[in-house]
Amino acid sequence: MLTGDVPRARRYQVSFAIQYRRRKERRWQSGITHNVSASGVLFGESAGDGQLQVDTPVEMELIIPTDLLGGACTRVVCTGRVTRIIECRIVDKPPVIAATISRYRLLRNDR
């Protein structure tokens, strides 16, 4: 590591549901995470969405299943910004979105 380099947050290869939307928009879209870290998330965009662009402010809700945490389902509500869009080479397969996590809060479900 060079002087001044900031180490990357550890990424966890997990696949669970994510709801996302452009900040202050009403309608949520659904996707699936590819990996998550303390500073960001990589997820598959909802088919036919196509509204996210680089630098778009986003709101996200990650729904972490009980089997990952050993208890009740946990929801992480967070805000961030789209940093990358990775177009898929397969026809009709939506792009993958990389977004930062700048703020978050945990919400616990008792179901």
Protein backbone atom coordinates (compact mmCIF):
# COMPACT_ATOMS: atom_id res chain seq x y z
CA MET A 1 0.00 0.00 0.00
CA LEU A 2 1.33 3.43 -0.92
CA THR A 3 1.40 6.28 1.57
CA GLY A 4 -1.95 8.04 1.53
CA ASP A 5 -3.85 5.03 0.13
CA VAL A 6 -7.06 4.24 1.96
CA PRO A 7 -7.67 0.51 2.44
CA ARG A 8 -10.86 -0.79 0.84
CA ALA A 9 -13.64 -1.98 3.05
CA ARG A 10 -13.97 -5.76 3.11
CA ARG A 11 -16.58 -7.02 0.63
CA TYR A 12 -18.94 -9.83 1.52
CA GLN A 13 -20.25 -11.95 -1.36
CA VAL A 14 -23.89 -12.16 -0.31
CA SER A 15 -27.08 -12.41 -2.28
CA PHE A 16 -30.26 -11.02 -0.75
CA ALA A 17 -33.08 -8.65 -1.63
CA ILE A 18 -32.56 -4.93 -2.06
CA GLN A 19 -35.13 -2.22 -2.71
CA TYR A 20 -33.80 0.98 -4.23
CA ARG A 21 -34.96 4.25 -5.73
CA ARG A 22 -33.65 7.61 -6.77
CA ARG A 23 -33.66 9.81 -3.70
CA LYS A 24 -37.05 11.40 -2.98
CA GLU A 25 -38.80 9.32 -5.63
CA ARG A 26 -41.93 7.43 -4.56
CA ARG A 27 -41.62 4.12 -6.39
CA TRP A 28 -39.18 1.47 -5.19
CA GLN A 29 -37.45 -0.99 -7.53
CA SER A 30 -36.34 -4.51 -6.54
CA GLY A 31 -32.95 -6.07 -7.10
CA ILE A 32 -30.52 -8.63 -5.69
CA THR A 33 -27.16 -7.84 -4.08
CA HIS A 34 -23.92 -9.32 -5.43
CA ASN A 35 -21.68 -8.03 -2.66
CA VAL A 36 -21.86 -5.60 0.25
CA SER A 37 -19.27 -3.72 2.30
CA ALA A 38 -19.40 -1.06 4.99
CA SER A 39 -18.96 1.59 2.30
CA GLY A 40 -21.05 0.31 -0.61
CA VAL A 41 -23.16 -2.27 -2.37
CA LEU A 42 -23.10 -3.95 -5.78
CA PHE A 43 -26.53 -5.04 -6.99
CA GLY A 44 -28.47 -6.07 -10.05
CA GLU A 45 -30.78 -3.38 -11.37
CA SER A 46 -34.44 -4.21 -11.81
CA ALA A 47 -35.27 -5.31 -15.36
CA GLY A 48 -36.62 -2.38 -17.36
CA ASP A 49 -35.70 0.23 -14.74
CA GLY A 50 -32.83 2.05 -16.46
CA GLN A 51 -33.32 5.27 -14.48
CA LEU A 52 -30.07 5.23 -12.54
CA GLN A 53 -27.05 7.11 -13.84
CA VAL A 54 -23.59 7.67 -12.36
CA ASP A 55 -23.80 10.23 -9.51
CA THR A 56 -27.55 9.67 -9.01
CA PRO A 57 -28.39 9.96 -5.29
CA VAL A 58 -30.12 6.74 -4.16
CA GLU A 59 -32.02 5.35 -1.22
CA MET A 60 -31.64 1.63 -0.58
CA GLU A 61 -33.17 -0.91 1.75
CA LEU A 62 -31.22 -4.12 2.19
CA ILE A 63 -33.27 -6.97 3.60
CA ILE A 64 -30.87 -9.30 5.42
CA PRO A 65 -32.42 -12.74 5.91
CA THR A 66 -32.58 -14.42 9.29
CA ASP A 67 -30.26 -17.27 8.30
CA LEU A 68 -27.36 -14.81 7.85
CA LEU A 69 -27.79 -13.22 11.28
CA GLY A 70 -29.20 -16.09 13.31
CA GLY A 71 -32.26 -14.14 14.44
CA ALA A 72 -34.98 -11.86 13.20
CA CYS A 73 -34.77 -10.36 9.72
CA THR A 74 -32.87 -7.07 9.67
CA ARG A 75 -33.40 -4.21 7.26
CA VAL A 76 -30.67 -1.69 6.56
CA VAL A 77 -32.01 1.59 5.21
CA CYS A 78 -29.27 3.65 3.62
CA THR A 79 -28.50 6.53 1.31
CA GLY A 80 -25.67 6.86 -1.14
CA ARG A 81 -24.74 7.63 -4.71
CA VAL A 82 -24.30 5.52 -7.85
CA THR A 83 -20.58 5.23 -8.64
CA ARG A 84 -20.54 2.74 -11.52
CA ILE A 85 -22.90 1.05 -13.95
CA ILE A 86 -21.71 -2.23 -15.43
CA GLU A 87 -23.60 -3.13 -18.58
CA CYS A 88 -24.28 -6.83 -19.04
CA ARG A 89 -23.22 -8.48 -22.28
CA ILE A 90 -26.23 -10.80 -22.22
CA VAL A 91 -29.24 -9.49 -24.13
CA ASP A 92 -32.17 -8.41 -21.92
CA LYS A 93 -30.14 -8.78 -18.72
CA PRO A 94 -30.15 -5.54 -16.67
CA PRO A 95 -26.95 -3.77 -15.64
CA VAL A 96 -25.19 -4.13 -12.30
CA ILE A 97 -25.04 -1.00 -10.14
CA ALA A 98 -22.29 -0.01 -7.71
CA ALA A 99 -23.39 2.51 -5.09
CA THR A 100 -21.77 4.04 -2.05
CA ILE A 101 -23.32 3.91 1.40
CA SER A 102 -22.95 7.32 3.04
CA ARG A 103 -25.56 6.95 5.80
CA TYR A 104 -27.46 4.00 7.18
CA ARG A 105 -29.70 2.85 9.98
CA LEU A 106 -30.73 -0.62 11.09
CA LEU A 107 -34.37 -1.61 11.43
CA ARG A 108 -35.20 -4.93 13.05
CA ASN A 109 -38.20 -7.05 12.05
CA ASP A 110 -39.66 -9.39 14.60
CA ARG A 111 -41.08 -11.80 12.04
